[in-house]
Structure formats: structure tokens, C-alpha cells
Protein backbone atom coordinates (compact mmCIF):
# COMPACT_ATOMS: atom_id res chain seq x y z
CA MET A 1 0.00 0.00 0.00
CA VAL A 2 2.75 2.47 0.94
CA GLU A 3 4.68 1.61 -2.23
CA GLN A 4 1.61 2.37 -4.37
CA VAL A 5 1.13 5.77 -2.71
CA ALA A 6 4.83 6.59 -3.16
CA HIS A 7 4.61 5.61 -6.84
CA MET A 8 1.55 7.85 -7.34
CA MET A 9 3.33 10.80 -5.72
CA VAL A 10 6.38 10.38 -7.96
CA HIS A 11 4.13 10.09 -11.02
CA GLY A 12 2.31 13.26 -9.95
CA GLU A 13 5.61 15.13 -9.62
CA ALA A 14 6.72 13.99 -13.08
CA TRP A 15 3.40 15.19 -14.53
CA THR A 16 3.77 18.69 -13.01
CA ILE A 17 7.35 19.00 -14.25
CA LYS A 18 6.15 18.00 -17.73
CA ASP A 19 3.40 20.65 -17.58
CA LEU A 20 5.90 23.33 -16.62
CA PHE A 21 7.84 22.58 -19.80
CA VAL A 22 4.75 22.49 -22.02
CA LEU A 23 3.37 25.91 -21.08
CA PRO A 24 6.43 28.07 -21.88
CA ASN A 25 6.77 26.35 -25.26
CA GLU A 26 3.17 27.20 -26.07
CA TYR A 27 3.80 30.78 -24.94
CA VAL A 28 6.82 31.17 -27.24
CA TYR A 29 4.92 29.61 -30.15
CA TRP A 30 1.98 31.99 -29.80
CA SER A 31 4.28 35.00 -29.33
CA ILE A 32 5.93 34.20 -32.66
CA GLN A 33 2.54 33.70 -34.31
CA ILE A 34 1.30 37.08 -33.04
CA VAL A 35 4.41 38.83 -34.39
CA LEU A 36 4.34 37.12 -37.81
CA TYR A 37 0.56 37.23 -38.40
CA PRO A 38 0.47 40.67 -40.13
CA TYR A 39 3.24 39.62 -42.53
CA MET A 40 1.51 36.33 -43.37
CA THR A 41 -1.83 38.01 -44.04
CA GLY A 42 -0.08 40.69 -46.10
CA LEU A 43 1.48 38.03 -48.32
CA VAL A 44 -1.86 36.27 -48.80
CA ALA A 45 -3.60 39.56 -49.67
CA GLY A 46 -0.83 40.46 -52.11
CA ALA A 47 0.12 43.63 -50.27
């Protein structure tokens, strides 16, 4: 029983660490998209 609880806690820690890495990557991706969006739409519109 104690081993199962310890395993769940370790798994929970690994999941939070993984989430901390996912969110900044999404933030950088959307920052780049926001900066490049006017240029992409300008190319499509032929401006």
C-alpha cells in the first residue's frame, strides 16, 4: 500500500514537471505567431 502511494506521488511530480515545460513552449509559439501574423496576411492579400 505504501509503495503504491509513493509511486503515485512520484508520477504526480513527473506530470507537473512536464506541464511546466509544455506551457512556456506554447507561450513562445503563440508570441511568434502574433508577431508574424500581419506579414503572413499581407502576403496572402498580395500587399
